């Protein structure tokens, strides 16, 4: 249960960062279907050697 809570909190943080990056660029818009980057089932492949580029827009 605690692991799922941590996963949910992490997902909210990443979504917030992605939305802020999109809103900085006036030429881009948001889709109401903002869940395509989530894989709730199956395997999760984590590459701990790379980071999300949240500054590129």
Protein backbone atom coordinates (compact mmCIF):
# COMPACT_ATOMS: atom_id res chain seq x y z
CA UNK A 1 0.00 0.00 0.00
CA UNK A 2 2.78 2.42 0.84
CA UNK A 3 4.58 1.61 -2.42
CA UNK A 4 1.43 2.47 -4.40
CA UNK A 5 1.09 5.74 -2.49
CA UNK A 6 4.71 6.59 -3.32
CA UNK A 7 4.11 5.72 -6.99
CA UNK A 8 1.02 7.94 -7.08
CA UNK A 9 2.85 10.85 -5.48
CA UNK A 10 5.74 10.49 -7.92
CA UNK A 11 3.35 10.42 -10.87
CA UNK A 12 1.64 13.60 -9.68
CA UNK A 13 5.03 15.31 -9.42
CA UNK A 14 6.13 14.26 -12.92
CA UNK A 15 2.76 15.28 -14.39
CA UNK A 16 3.05 18.69 -12.72
CA UNK A 17 6.51 19.20 -14.20
CA UNK A 18 5.35 18.14 -17.68
CA UNK A 19 2.30 20.42 -17.56
CA UNK A 20 4.41 23.37 -16.45
CA UNK A 21 6.80 22.73 -19.35
CA UNK A 22 3.89 22.69 -21.82
CA UNK A 23 2.29 25.83 -20.41
CA UNK A 24 5.54 27.80 -20.79
CA UNK A 25 5.26 27.46 -24.58
CA UNK A 26 2.25 29.42 -25.90
CA UNK A 27 2.25 27.44 -29.15
CA UNK A 28 1.43 24.15 -27.46
CA UNK A 29 -1.74 22.86 -25.88
CA UNK A 30 -2.87 20.14 -23.53
CA UNK A 31 -4.93 17.11 -24.34
CA UNK A 32 -7.61 15.87 -21.94
CA UNK A 33 -6.25 12.37 -22.52
CA UNK A 34 -3.09 12.93 -20.51
CA UNK A 35 -2.41 9.35 -19.49
CA UNK A 36 -0.57 7.83 -22.44
CA UNK A 37 2.78 7.92 -20.61
CA UNK A 38 1.39 5.71 -17.80
CA UNK A 39 1.68 1.92 -17.87
CA UNK A 40 -0.42 0.64 -14.94
CA UNK A 41 0.06 -3.01 -15.93
CA UNK A 42 3.03 -5.06 -16.97
CA UNK A 43 6.70 -4.42 -16.50
CA UNK A 44 8.35 -1.13 -15.78
CA UNK A 45 11.79 -0.63 -17.27
CA UNK A 46 13.73 1.95 -15.30
CA UNK A 47 16.87 3.47 -16.72
CA UNK A 48 18.54 4.93 -13.66
CA UNK A 49 21.38 6.36 -15.75
CA UNK A 50 19.20 8.95 -17.52
CA UNK A 51 16.85 11.65 -16.32
CA UNK A 52 13.73 13.22 -17.79
CA UNK A 53 14.56 16.38 -19.70
CA UNK A 54 11.97 18.68 -18.17
CA UNK A 55 13.67 21.83 -19.45
CA UNK A 56 13.30 21.06 -23.16
CA UNK A 57 10.11 22.39 -24.64
